[in-house]
Amino acid sequence: MKRAFWLFAMLPFLLAPPAFGGVPEINVKALCQARLVDAKILRSPPEQSVAECVLEEEEKKQRLSTIWASSSVPIRNLCESDGRALGARSYLDLLTCIQMTEDLKSTPKKRTGKE
């Protein structure tokens, strides 16, 4: 009986869309350290230090937080799920995805002449 109660109590949280609420929390330090490791594995010079990467991601998080609430839930969910699927979820990726999707949505469709 207790299990059923807890299942029903947790069900709204389990079924809530990923973008329900505020900007997702991303461990930017771990993300930036992983980028550095990837650069070492590929034997290429890192684009930036971990500290620079963390600073840049925090700046992108601030910019993302200004447009997050005004973006539609389907767009936020799309960008989050795409980032997870590609394994490249960062604030920069989320910000770029939302901006590009919003731009595509607001651009009027060109007429092809074949109506």
PDB file of N, CA and C in Angstrom:
ATOM      1  N   MET A   1       0.823  -1.185   0.000  1.00  0.00           N
ATOM      2  CA  MET A   1       0.000   0.000   0.000  1.00  0.00           C
ATOM      3  C   MET A   1       0.874   1.259   0.000  1.00  0.00           C
ATOM      4  N   LYS A   2       1.934   1.227   0.827  1.00  0.00           N
ATOM      5  CA  LYS A   2       2.831   2.386   0.888  1.00  0.00           C
ATOM      6  C   LYS A   2       3.528   2.606  -0.451  1.00  0.00           C
ATOM      7  N   ARG A   3       3.889   1.504  -1.120  1.00  0.00           N
ATOM      8  CA  ARG A   3       4.547   1.638  -2.420  1.00  0.00           C
ATOM      9  C   ARG A   3       3.644   2.342  -3.421  1.00  0.00           C
ATOM     10  N   ALA A   4       2.398   1.954  -3.451  1.00  0.00           N
ATOM     11  CA  ALA A   4       1.447   2.565  -4.375  1.00  0.00           C
ATOM     12  C   ALA A   4       1.288   4.046  -4.072  1.00  0.00           C
ATOM     13  N   PHE A   5       1.231   4.395  -2.803  1.00  0.00           N
ATOM     14  CA  PHE A   5       1.112   5.792  -2.416  1.00  0.00           C
ATOM     15  C   PHE A   5       2.314   6.589  -2.913  1.00  0.00           C
ATOM     16  N   TRP A   6       3.516   6.070  -2.678  1.00  0.00           N
ATOM     17  CA  TRP A   6       4.720   6.792  -3.097  1.00  0.00           C
ATOM     18  C   TRP A   6       4.828   6.870  -4.616  1.00  0.00           C
ATOM     19  N   LEU A   7       4.397   5.811  -5.279  1.00  0.00           N
ATOM     20  CA  LEU A   7       4.427   5.834  -6.740  1.00  0.00           C
ATOM     21  C   LEU A   7       3.531   6.946  -7.277  1.00  0.00           C
ATOM     22  N   PHE A   8       2.313   7.036  -6.751  1.00  0.00           N
ATOM     23  CA  PHE A   8       1.396   8.083  -7.200  1.00  0.00           C
ATOM     24  C   PHE A   8       1.851   9.465  -6.762  1.00  0.00           C
ATOM     25  N   ALA A   9       2.525   9.545  -5.625  1.00  0.00           N
ATOM     26  CA  ALA A   9       3.028  10.836  -5.164  1.00  0.00           C
ATOM     27  C   ALA A   9       4.176  11.322  -6.042  1.00  0.00           C
ATOM     28  N   MET A  10       4.990  10.397  -6.538  1.00  0.00           N
ATOM     29  CA  MET A  10       6.151  10.757  -7.355  1.00  0.00           C
ATOM     30  C   MET A  10       5.825  10.834  -8.838  1.00  0.00           C
ATOM     31  N   LEU A  11       4.693  10.295  -9.250  1.00  0.00           N
ATOM     32  CA  LEU A  11       4.338  10.241 -10.658  1.00  0.00           C
ATOM     33  C   LEU A  11       4.392  11.595 -11.375  1.00  0.00           C
ATOM     34  N   PRO A  12       3.858  12.676 -10.793  1.00  0.00           N
ATOM     35  CA  PRO A  12       3.954  13.971 -11.501  1.00  0.00           C
ATOM     36  C   PRO A  12       5.394  14.407 -11.754  1.00  0.00           C
ATOM     37  N   PHE A  13       6.295  14.090 -10.826  1.00  0.00           N
ATOM     38  CA  PHE A  13       7.694  14.483 -11.004  1.00  0.00           C
ATOM     39  C   PHE A  13       8.378  13.615 -12.044  1.00  0.00           C
ATOM     40  N   LEU A  14       7.994  12.354 -12.100  1.00  0.00           N
ATOM     41  CA  LEU A  14       8.594  11.454 -13.081  1.00  0.00           C
ATOM     42  C   LEU A  14       8.110  11.742 -14.493  1.00  0.00           C
ATOM     43  N   LEU A  15       6.871  12.189 -14.614  1.00  0.00           N
ATOM     44  CA  LEU A  15       6.296  12.444 -15.932  1.00  0.00           C
ATOM     45  C   LEU A  15       6.432  13.885 -16.387  1.00  0.00           C
ATOM     46  N   ALA A  16       6.927  14.749 -15.518  1.00  0.00           N
ATOM     47  CA  ALA A  16       7.081  16.158 -15.885  1.00  0.00           C
ATOM     48  C   ALA A  16       8.103  16.281 -17.006  1.00  0.00           C
ATOM     49  N   PRO A  17       7.876  17.185 -17.940  1.00  0.00           N
ATOM     50  CA  PRO A  17       8.843  17.369 -19.017  1.00  0.00           C
ATOM     51  C   PRO A  17      10.170  17.849 -18.456  1.00  0.00           C
ATOM     52  N   PRO A  18      11.285  17.526 -19.108  1.00  0.00           N
ATOM     53  CA  PRO A  18      12.590  17.900 -18.596  1.00  0.00           C
ATOM     54  C   PRO A  18      12.756  19.401 -18.389  1.00  0.00           C
ATOM     55  N   ALA A  19      12.114  20.208 -19.208  1.00  0.00           N
ATOM     56  CA  ALA A  19      12.299  21.657 -19.110  1.00  0.00           C
ATOM     57  C   ALA A  19      11.303  22.305 -18.159  1.00  0.00           C
ATOM     58  N   PHE A  20      10.629  21.505 -17.355  1.00  0.00           N
ATOM     59  CA  PHE A  20       9.665  22.031 -16.399  1.00  0.00           C
ATOM     60  C   PHE A  20      10.432  22.783 -15.324  1.00  0.00           C
ATOM     61  N   GLY A  21      10.272  24.079 -15.264  1.00  0.00           N
ATOM     62  CA  GLY A  21      10.968  24.863 -14.258  1.00  0.00           C
ATOM     63  C   GLY A  21      12.031  25.742 -14.876  1.00  0.00           C
ATOM     64  N   GLY A  22      13.090  25.938 -14.121  1.00  0.00           N
ATOM     65  CA  GLY A  22      14.136  26.856 -14.537  1.00  0.00           C
ATOM     66  C   GLY A  22      15.185  26.213 -15.426  1.00  0.00           C
ATOM     67  N   VAL A  23      16.218  26.980 -15.651  1.00  0.00           N
ATOM     68  CA  VAL A  23      17.334  26.533 -16.470  1.00  0.00           C
ATOM     69  C   VAL A  23      17.936  25.275 -15.832  1.00  0.00           C
ATOM     70  N   PRO A  24      18.205  24.243 -16.621  1.00  0.00           N
ATOM     71  CA  PRO A  24      18.769  23.018 -16.046  1.00  0.00           C
ATOM     72  C   PRO A  24      20.137  23.273 -15.429  1.00  0.00           C
ATOM     73  N   GLU A  25      20.444  22.500 -14.422  1.00  0.00           N
ATOM     74  CA  GLU A  25      21.751  22.609 -13.775  1.00  0.00           C
ATOM     75  C   GLU A  25      22.730  21.667 -14.469  1.00  0.00           C
ATOM     76  N   ILE A  26      23.837  22.212 -14.865  1.00  0.00           N
ATOM     77  CA  ILE A  26      24.889  21.439 -15.526  1.00  0.00           C
ATOM     78  C   ILE A  26      26.168  21.614 -14.716  1.00  0.00           C
ATOM     79  N   ASN A  27      26.859  20.521 -14.479  1.00  0.00           N
ATOM     80  CA  ASN A  27      28.128  20.578 -13.764  1.00  0.00           C
ATOM     81  C   ASN A  27      29.195  21.054 -14.752  1.00  0.00           C
ATOM     82  N   VAL A  28      29.379  22.371 -14.811  1.00  0.00           N
ATOM     83  CA  VAL A  28      30.265  22.939 -15.829  1.00  0.00           C
ATOM     84  C   VAL A  28      31.730  22.609 -15.574  1.00  0.00           C
ATOM     85  N   LYS A  29      32.110  22.454 -14.319  1.00  0.00           N
ATOM     86  CA  LYS A  29      33.507  22.112 -14.041  1.00  0.00           C
ATOM     87  C   LYS A  29      33.824  20.728 -14.598  1.00  0.00           C
ATOM     88  N   ALA A  30      32.932  19.770 -14.379  1.00  0.00           N
ATOM     89  CA  ALA A  30      33.138  18.426 -14.923  1.00  0.00           C
ATOM     90  C   ALA A  30      33.112  18.450 -16.448  1.00  0.00           C
ATOM     91  N   LEU A  31      32.208  19.239 -17.014  1.00  0.00           N
ATOM     92  CA  LEU A  31      32.121  19.376 -18.466  1.00  0.00           C
ATOM     93  C   LEU A  31      33.432  19.921 -19.032  1.00  0.00           C
ATOM     94  N   CYS A  32      33.949  20.959 -18.418  1.00  0.00           N
ATOM     95  CA  CYS A  32      35.177  21.592 -18.904  1.00  0.00           C
ATOM     96  C   CYS A  32      36.388  20.681 -18.716  1.00  0.00           C
ATOM     97  N   GLN A  33      36.407  19.940 -17.618  1.00  0.00           N
ATOM     98  CA  GLN A  33      37.507  18.991 -17.416  1.00  0.00           C
ATOM     99  C   GLN A  33      37.447  17.879 -18.461  1.00  0.00           C
ATOM    100  N   ALA A  34      36.232  17.442 -18.813  1.00  0.00           N
ATOM    101  CA  ALA A  34      36.078  16.408 -19.840  1.00  0.00           C
ATOM    102  C   ALA A  34      36.559  16.921 -21.200  1.00  0.00           C
ATOM    103  N   ARG A  35      36.292  18.184 -21.487  1.00  0.00           N
ATOM    104  CA  ARG A  35      36.775  18.765 -22.749  1.00  0.00           C
ATOM    105  C   ARG A  35      38.301  18.767 -22.792  1.00  0.00           C
ATOM    106  N   LEU A  36      38.918  19.069 -21.665  1.00  0.00           N
ATOM    107  CA  LEU A  36      40.375  19.079 -21.586  1.00  0.00           C
ATOM    108  C   LEU A  36      40.928  17.670 -21.797  1.00  0.00           C
ATOM    109  N   VAL A  37      40.300  16.681 -21.188  1.00  0.00           N
ATOM    110  CA  VAL A  37      40.717  15.287 -21.369  1.00  0.00           C
ATOM    111  C   VAL A  37      40.549  14.866 -22.823  1.00  0.00           C
ATOM    112  N   ASP A  38      39.442  15.250 -23.436  1.00  0.00           N
ATOM    113  CA  ASP A  38      39.225  14.935 -24.850  1.00  0.00           C
ATOM    114  C   ASP A  38      40.328  15.525 -25.721  1.00  0.00           C
ATOM    115  N   ALA A  39      40.715  16.752 -25.433  1.00  0.00           N
ATOM    116  CA  ALA A  39      41.786  17.392 -26.209  1.00  0.00           C
ATOM    117  C   ALA A  39      43.098  16.634 -26.038  1.00  0.00           C
ATOM    118  N   LYS A  40      43.366  16.173 -24.826  1.00  0.00           N
ATOM    119  CA  LYS A  40      44.598  15.406 -24.584  1.00  0.00           C
ATOM    120  C   LYS A  40      44.565  14.080 -25.324  1.00  0.00           C
ATOM    121  N   ILE A  41      43.404  13.419 -25.313  1.00  0.00           N
ATOM    122  CA  ILE A  41      43.273  12.135 -26.010  1.00  0.00           C
ATOM    123  C   ILE A  41      43.498  12.323 -27.509  1.00  0.00           C
ATOM    124  N   LEU A  42      42.964  13.408 -28.046  1.00  0.00           N
ATOM    125  CA  LEU A  42      43.120  13.687 -29.474  1.00  0.00           C
ATOM    126  C   LEU A  42      44.462  14.319 -29.802  1.00  0.00           C
ATOM    127  N   ARG A  43      45.263  14.542 -28.771  1.00  0.00           N
ATOM    128  CA  ARG A  43      46.590  15.169 -28.908  1.00  0.00           C
ATOM    129  C   ARG A  43      46.512  16.504 -29.628  1.00  0.00           C
ATOM    130  N   SER A  44      45.501  17.277 -29.241  1.00  0.00           N
ATOM    131  CA  SER A  44      45.372  18.619 -29.785  1.00  0.00           C
ATOM    132  C   SER A  44      45.424  19.615 -28.629  1.00  0.00           C
ATOM    133  N   PRO A  45      45.887  20.812 -28.909  1.00  0.00           N
ATOM    134  CA  PRO A  45      45.947  21.793 -27.824  1.00  0.00           C
ATOM    135  C   PRO A  45      44.534  22.176 -27.383  1.00  0.00           C
ATOM    136  N   PRO A  46      44.331  22.300 -26.079  1.00  0.00           N
ATOM    137  CA  PRO A  46      42.994  22.695 -25.611  1.00  0.00           C
ATOM    138  C   PRO A  46      42.662  24.110 -26.080  1.00  0.00           C
ATOM    139  N   GLU A  47      41.379  24.325 -26.386  1.00  0.00           N
ATOM    140  CA  GLU A  47      40.940  25.641 -26.835  1.00  0.00           C
ATOM    141  C   GLU A  47      41.037  26.666 -25.724  1.00  0.00           C
ATOM    142  N   GLN A  48      40.815  26.214 -24.483  1.00  0.00           N
ATOM    143  CA  GLN A  48      40.857  27.107 -23.338  1.00  0.00           C
ATOM    144  C   GLN A  48      41.114  26.294 -22.079  1.00  0.00           C
ATOM    145  N   SER A  49      41.528  26.974 -21.036  1.00  0.00           N
ATOM    146  CA  SER A  49      41.760  26.300 -19.768  1.00  0.00           C
ATOM    147  C   SER A  49      40.420  25.938 -19.133  1.00  0.00           C
ATOM    148  N   VAL A  50      40.464  25.097 -18.122  1.00  0.00           N
ATOM    149  CA  VAL A  50      39.249  24.716 -17.415  1.00  0.00           C
ATOM    150  C   VAL A  50      38.603  25.954 -16.800  1.00  0.00           C
ATOM    151  N   ALA A  51      39.404  26.844 -16.222  1.00  0.00           N
ATOM    152  CA  ALA A  51      38.871  28.061 -15.596  1.00  0.00           C
ATOM    153  C   ALA A  51      38.184  28.958 -16.624  1.00  0.00           C
ATOM    154  N   GLU A  52      38.805  29.111 -17.798  1.00  0.00           N
ATOM    155  CA  GLU A  52      38.195  29.923 -18.862  1.00  0.00           C
ATOM    156  C   GLU A  52      36.898  29.296 -19.353  1.00  0.00           C
ATOM    157  N   CYS A  53      36.901  27.986 -19.485  1.00  0.00           N
ATOM    158  CA  CYS A  53      35.718  27.261 -19.930  1.00  0.00           C
ATOM    159  C   CYS A  53      34.580  27.431 -18.922  1.00  0.00           C
ATOM    160  N   VAL A  54      34.880  27.290 -17.634  1.00  0.00           N
ATOM    161  CA  VAL A  54      33.866  27.450 -16.587  1.00  0.00           C
ATOM    162  C   VAL A  54      33.295  28.861 -16.627  1.00  0.00           C
ATOM    163  N   LEU A  55      34.159  29.852 -16.769  1.00  0.00           N
ATOM    164  CA  LEU A  55      33.707  31.240 -16.831  1.00  0.00           C
ATOM    165  C   LEU A  55      32.788  31.458 -18.033  1.00  0.00           C
ATOM    166  N   GLU A  56      33.173  30.927 -19.190  1.00  0.00           N
ATOM    167  CA  GLU A  56      32.356  31.077 -20.390  1.00  0.00           C
ATOM    168  C   GLU A  56      30.994  30.386 -20.225  1.00  0.00           C
ATOM    169  N   GLU A  57      30.992  29.186 -19.669  1.00  0.00           N
ATOM    170  CA  GLU A  57      29.728  28.466 -19.471  1.00  0.00           C
ATOM    171  C   GLU A  57      28.816  29.208 -18.483  1.00  0.00           C
ATOM    172  N   GLU A  58      29.392  29.794 -17.441  1.00  0.00           N
ATOM    173  CA  GLU A  58      28.585  30.556 -16.486  1.00  0.00           C
ATOM    174  C   GLU A  58      27.990  31.799 -17.147  1.00  0.00           C
ATOM    175  N   GLU A  59      28.747  32.434 -18.043  1.00  0.00           N
ATOM    176  CA  GLU A  59      28.212  33.575 -18.794  1.00  0.00           C
ATOM    177  C   GLU A  59      27.059  33.137 -19.692  1.00  0.00           C
ATOM    178  N   LYS A  60      27.212  31.983 -20.333  1.00  0.00           N
ATOM    179  CA  LYS A  60      26.151  31.473 -21.208  1.00  0.00           C
ATOM    180  C   LYS A  60      24.922  31.104 -20.380  1.00  0.00           C
ATOM    181  N   LYS A  61      25.133  30.603 -19.177  1.00  0.00           N
ATOM    182  CA  LYS A  61      24.009  30.281 -18.298  1.00  0.00           C
ATOM    183  C   LYS A  61      23.219  31.550 -17.964  1.00  0.00           C
ATOM    184  N   GLN A  62      23.926  32.650 -17.700  1.00  0.00           N
ATOM    185  CA  GLN A  62      23.253  33.914 -17.409  1.00  0.00           C
ATOM    186  C   GLN A  62      22.426  34.371 -18.611  1.00  0.00           C
ATOM    187  N   ARG A  63      22.996  34.294 -19.798  1.00  0.00           N
ATOM    188  CA  ARG A  63      22.261  34.687 -21.012  1.00  0.00           C
ATOM    189  C   ARG A  63      21.072  33.764 -21.257  1.00  0.00           C
ATOM    190  N   LEU A  64      21.289  32.458 -21.019  1.00  0.00           N
ATOM    191  CA  LEU A  64      20.221  31.488 -21.212  1.00  0.00           C
ATOM    192  C   LEU A  64      19.073  31.746 -20.240  1.00  0.00           C
ATOM    193  N   SER A  65      19.395  32.128 -19.023  1.00  0.00           N
ATOM    194  CA  SER A  65      18.346  32.351 -18.026  1.00  0.00           C
ATOM    195  C   SER A  65      17.437  33.518 -18.400  1.00  0.00           C
ATOM    196  N   THR A  66      17.940  34.451 -19.200  1.00  0.00           N
ATOM    197  CA  THR A  66      17.105  35.577 -19.610  1.00  0.00           C
ATOM    198  C   THR A  66      16.091  35.192 -20.685  1.00  0.00           C
ATOM    199  N   ILE A  67      16.398  34.169 -21.490  1.00  0.00           N
ATOM    200  CA  ILE A  67      15.468  33.772 -22.554  1.00  0.00           C
ATOM    201  C   ILE A  67      14.739  32.463 -22.252  1.00  0.00           C
ATOM    202  N   TRP A  68      15.165  31.731 -21.244  1.00  0.00           N
ATOM    203  CA  TRP A  68      14.604  30.418 -20.936  1.00  0.00           C
ATOM    204  C   TRP A  68      13.096  30.492 -20.680  1.00  0.00           C
ATOM    205  N   ALA A  69      12.688  31.380 -19.804  1.00  0.00           N
ATOM    206  CA  ALA A  69      11.268  31.458 -19.426  1.00  0.00           C
ATOM    207  C   ALA A  69      10.386  31.906 -20.591  1.00  0.00           C
ATOM    208  N   SER A  70      10.934  32.688 -21.501  1.00  0.00           N
ATOM    209  CA  SER A  70      10.129  33.171 -22.625  1.00  0.00           C
ATOM    210  C   SER A  70      10.110  32.175 -23.788  1.00  0.00           C
ATOM    211  N   SER A  71      10.937  31.140 -23.725  1.00  0.00           N
ATOM    212  CA  SER A  71      10.938  30.112 -24.767  1.00  0.00           C
ATOM    213  C   SER A  71       9.828  29.112 -24.481  1.00  0.00           C
ATOM    214  N   SER A  72       9.275  28.556 -25.526  1.00  0.00           N
ATOM    215  CA  SER A  72       8.193  27.592 -25.331  1.00  0.00           C
ATOM    216  C   SER A  72       8.742  26.282 -24.763  1.00  0.00           C
ATOM    217  N   VAL A  73       7.903  25.596 -24.010  1.00  0.00           N
ATOM    218  CA  VAL A  73       8.296  24.330 -23.398  1.00  0.00           C
ATOM    219  C   VAL A  73       8.713  23.303 -24.454  1.00  0.00           C
ATOM    220  N   PRO A  74       8.006  23.173 -25.581  1.00  0.00           N
ATOM    221  CA  PRO A  74       8.460  22.207 -26.595  1.00  0.00           C
ATOM    222  C   PRO A  74       9.870  22.505 -27.116  1.00  0.00           C
ATOM    223  N   ILE A  75      10.206  23.768 -27.279  1.00  0.00           N
ATOM    224  CA  ILE A  75      11.551  24.117 -27.751  1.00  0.00           C
ATOM    225  C   ILE A  75      12.591  23.791 -26.682  1.00  0.00           C
ATOM    226  N   ARG A  76      12.292  24.128 -25.430  1.00  0.00           N
ATOM    227  CA  ARG A  76      13.234  23.804 -24.343  1.00  0.00           C
ATOM    228  C   ARG A  76      13.431  22.297 -24.246  1.00  0.00           C
ATOM    229  N   ASN A  77      12.335  21.533 -24.334  1.00  0.00           N
ATOM    230  CA  ASN A  77      12.444  20.073 -24.260  1.00  0.00           C
ATOM    231  C   ASN A  77      13.245  19.518 -25.426  1.00  0.00           C
ATOM    232  N   LEU A  78      13.007  20.052 -26.622  1.00  0.00           N
ATOM    233  CA  LEU A  78      13.744  19.609 -27.805  1.00  0.00           C
ATOM    234  C   LEU A  78      15.239  19.837 -27.630  1.00  0.00           C
ATOM    235  N   CYS A  79      15.605  21.030 -27.196  1.00  0.00           N
ATOM    236  CA  CYS A  79      17.021  21.355 -27.049  1.00  0.00           C
ATOM    237  C   CYS A  79      17.682  20.527 -25.949  1.00  0.00           C
ATOM    238  N   GLU A  80      16.969  20.301 -24.865  1.00  0.00           N
ATOM    239  CA  GLU A  80      17.527  19.466 -23.801  1.00  0.00           C
ATOM    240  C   GLU A  80      17.693  18.023 -24.248  1.00  0.00           C
ATOM    241  N   SER A  81      16.682  17.469 -24.910  1.00  0.00           N
ATOM    242  CA  SER A  81      16.777  16.065 -25.331  1.00  0.00           C
ATOM    243  C   SER A  81      17.831  15.889 -26.421  1.00  0.00           C
ATOM    244  N   ASP A  82      17.952  16.862 -27.333  1.00  0.00           N
ATOM    245  CA  ASP A  82      19.004  16.794 -28.346  1.00  0.00           C
ATOM    246  C   ASP A  82      20.383  16.806 -27.699  1.00  0.00           C
ATOM    247  N   GLY A  83      20.559  17.671 -26.717  1.00  0.00           N
ATOM    248  CA  GLY A  83      21.838  17.742 -26.024  1.00  0.00           C
ATOM    249  C   GLY A  83      22.178  16.448 -25.310  1.00  0.00           C
ATOM    250  N   ARG A  84      21.190  15.860 -24.662  1.00  0.00           N
ATOM    251  CA  ARG A  84      21.421  14.576 -23.985  1.00  0.00           C
ATOM    252  C   ARG A  84      21.762  13.481 -24.984  1.00  0.00           C
ATOM    253  N   ALA A  85      21.029  13.443 -26.091  1.00  0.00           N
ATOM    254  CA  ALA A  85      21.243  12.398 -27.098  1.00  0.00           C
ATOM    255  C   ALA A  85      22.632  12.495 -27.714  1.00  0.00           C
ATOM    256  N   LEU A  86      23.102  13.714 -27.906  1.00  0.00           N
ATOM    257  CA  LEU A  86      24.424  13.909 -28.512  1.00  0.00           C
ATOM    258  C   LEU A  86      25.543  13.837 -27.481  1.00  0.00           C
ATOM    259  N   GLY A  87      25.196  13.832 -26.216  1.00  0.00           N
ATOM    260  CA  GLY A  87      26.207  13.796 -25.166  1.00  0.00           C
ATOM    261  C   GLY A  87      26.975  15.102 -25.072  1.00  0.00           C
ATOM    262  N   ALA A  88      26.389  16.182 -25.551  1.00  0.00           N
ATOM    263  CA  ALA A  88      27.070  17.473 -25.579  1.00  0.00           C
ATOM    264  C   ALA A  88      26.210  18.539 -24.917  1.00  0.00           C
ATOM    265  N   ARG A  89      25.725  18.259 -23.753  1.00  0.00           N
ATOM    266  CA  ARG A  89      24.817  19.186 -23.081  1.00  0.00           C
ATOM    267  C   ARG A  89      25.616  20.224 -22.311  1.00  0.00           C
ATOM    268  N   SER A  90      25.578  21.445 -22.788  1.00  0.00           N
ATOM    269  CA  SER A  90      26.233  22.558 -22.112  1.00  0.00           C
ATOM    270  C   SER A  90      25.318  23.767 -22.238  1.00  0.00           C
ATOM    271  N   TYR A  91      25.615  24.805 -21.457  1.00  0.00           N
ATOM    272  CA  TYR A  91      24.803  26.018 -21.552  1.00  0.00           C
ATOM    273  C   TYR A  91      24.958  26.669 -22.921  1.00  0.00           C
ATOM    274  N   LEU A  92      26.143  26.609 -23.476  1.00  0.00           N
ATOM    275  CA  LEU A  92      26.360  27.158 -24.814  1.00  0.00           C
ATOM    276  C   LEU A  92      25.502  26.416 -25.838  1.00  0.00           C
ATOM    277  N   ASP A  93      25.475  25.086 -25.748  1.00  0.00           N
ATOM    278  CA  ASP A  93      24.665  24.291 -26.669  1.00  0.00           C
ATOM    279  C   ASP A  93      23.179  24.599 -26.515  1.00  0.00           C
ATOM    280  N   LEU A  94      22.705  24.674 -25.273  1.00  0.00           N
ATOM    281  CA  LEU A  94      21.291  24.971 -25.031  1.00  0.00           C
ATOM    282  C   LEU A  94      20.921  26.355 -25.557  1.00  0.00           C
ATOM    283  N   LEU A  95      21.777  27.335 -25.274  1.00  0.00           N
ATOM    284  CA  LEU A  95      21.529  28.701 -25.725  1.00  0.00           C
ATOM    285  C   LEU A  95      21.472  28.763 -27.246  1.00  0.00           C
ATOM    286  N   THR A  96      22.433  28.147 -27.909  1.00  0.00           N
ATOM    287  CA  THR A  96      22.482  28.151 -29.373  1.00  0.00           C
ATOM    288  C   THR A  96      21.262  27.459 -29.966  1.00  0.00           C
ATOM    289  N   CYS A  97      20.904  26.323 -29.397  1.00  0.00           N
ATOM    290  CA  CYS A  97      19.747  25.575 -29.896  1.00  0.00           C
ATOM    291  C   CYS A  97      18.471  26.397 -29.773  1.00  0.00           C
ATOM    292  N   ILE A  98      18.251  27.008 -28.622  1.00  0.00           N
ATOM    293  CA  ILE A  98      17.033  27.797 -28.422  1.00  0.00           C
ATOM    294  C   ILE A  98      17.008  28.991 -29.361  1.00  0.00           C
ATOM    295  N   GLN A  99      18.139  29.684 -29.493  1.00  0.00           N
ATOM    296  CA  GLN A  99      18.183  30.845 -30.378  1.00  0.00           C
ATOM    297  C   GLN A  99      17.920  30.444 -31.819  1.00  0.00           C
ATOM    298  N   MET A 100      18.537  29.363 -32.280  1.00  0.00           N
ATOM    299  CA  MET A 100      18.343  28.927 -33.667  1.00  0.00           C
ATOM    300  C   MET A 100      16.912  28.463 -33.903  1.00  0.00           C
ATOM    301  N   THR A 101      16.357  27.726 -32.970  1.00  0.00           N
ATOM    302  CA  THR A 101      14.997  27.223 -33.119  1.00  0.00           C
ATOM    303  C   THR A 101      13.991  28.365 -33.115  1.00  0.00           C
ATOM    304  N   GLU A 102      14.202  29.339 -32.217  1.00  0.00           N
ATOM    305  CA  GLU A 102      13.316  30.506 -32.174  1.00  0.00           C
ATOM    306  C   GLU A 102      13.428  31.301 -33.476  1.00  0.00           C
ATOM    307  N   ASP A 103      14.650  31.436 -34.010  1.00  0.00           N
ATOM    308  CA  ASP A 103      14.835  32.151 -35.273  1.00  0.00           C
ATOM    309  C   ASP A 103      14.112  31.440 -36.421  1.00  0.00           C
ATOM    310  N   LEU A 104      14.246  30.125 -36.474  1.00  0.00           N
ATOM    311  CA  LEU A 104      13.575  29.362 -37.527  1.00  0.00           C
ATOM    312  C   LEU A 104      12.061  29.465 -37.401  1.00  0.00           C
ATOM    313  N   LYS A 105      11.583  29.464 -36.178  1.00  0.00           N
ATOM    314  CA  LYS A 105      10.145  29.547 -35.937  1.00  0.00           C
ATOM    315  C   LYS A 105       9.584  30.903 -36.354  1.00  0.00           C
ATOM    316  N   SER A 106      10.377  31.958 -36.139  1.00  0.00           N
ATOM    317  CA  SER A 106       9.883  33.301 -36.433  1.00  0.00           C
ATOM    318  C   SER A 106      10.116  33.733 -37.880  1.00  0.00           C
ATOM    319  N   THR A 107      10.963  33.022 -38.619  1.00  0.00           N
ATOM    320  CA  THR A 107      11.229  33.362 -40.009  1.00  0.00           C
ATOM    321  C   THR A 107      10.053  32.921 -40.874  1.00  0.00           C
ATOM    322  N   PRO A 108       9.484  33.847 -41.645  1.00  0.00           N
ATOM    323  CA  PRO A 108       8.368  33.458 -42.510  1.00  0.00           C
ATOM    324  C   PRO A 108       8.863  32.477 -43.580  1.00  0.00           C
ATOM    325  N   LYS A 109       8.014  31.507 -43.887  1.00  0.00           N
ATOM    326  CA  LYS A 109       8.380  30.515 -44.899  1.00  0.00           C
ATOM    327  C   LYS A 109       8.400  31.177 -46.272  1.00  0.00           C
ATOM    328  N   LYS A 110       9.438  30.858 -47.036  1.00  0.00           N
ATOM    329  CA  LYS A 110       9.540  31.408 -48.388  1.00  0.00           C
ATOM    330  C   LYS A 110       8.577  30.663 -49.296  1.00  0.00           C
ATOM    331  N   ARG A 111       8.016  31.416 -50.198  1.00  0.00           N
ATOM    332  CA  ARG A 111       7.108  30.813 -51.168  1.00  0.00           C
ATOM    333  C   ARG A 111       7.936  30.201 -52.291  1.00  0.00           C
ATOM    334  N   THR A 112       7.575  29.012 -52.648  1.00  0.00           N
ATOM    335  CA  THR A 112       8.295  28.326 -53.719  1.00  0.00           C
ATOM    336  C   THR A 112       7.630  28.518 -55.066  1.00  0.00           C
ATOM    337  N   GLY A 113       6.421  29.043 -55.085  1.00  0.00           N
ATOM    338  CA  GLY A 113       5.709  29.231 -56.331  1.00  0.00           C
ATOM    339  C   GLY A 113       4.917  28.006 -56.745  1.00  0.00           C
ATOM    340  N   LYS A 114       5.042  26.943 -55.958  1.00  0.00           N
ATOM    341  CA  LYS A 114       4.322  25.698 -56.262  1.00  0.00           C
ATOM    342  C   LYS A 114       3.220  25.509 -55.230  1.00  0.00           C
ATOM    343  N   GLU A 115       2.202  26.330 -55.311  1.00  0.00           N
ATOM    344  CA  GLU A 115       1.118  26.229 -54.334  1.00  0.00           C
ATOM    345  C   GLU A 115      -0.060  25.522 -54.888  1.00  0.00           C
TER     346      GLU A 115
END
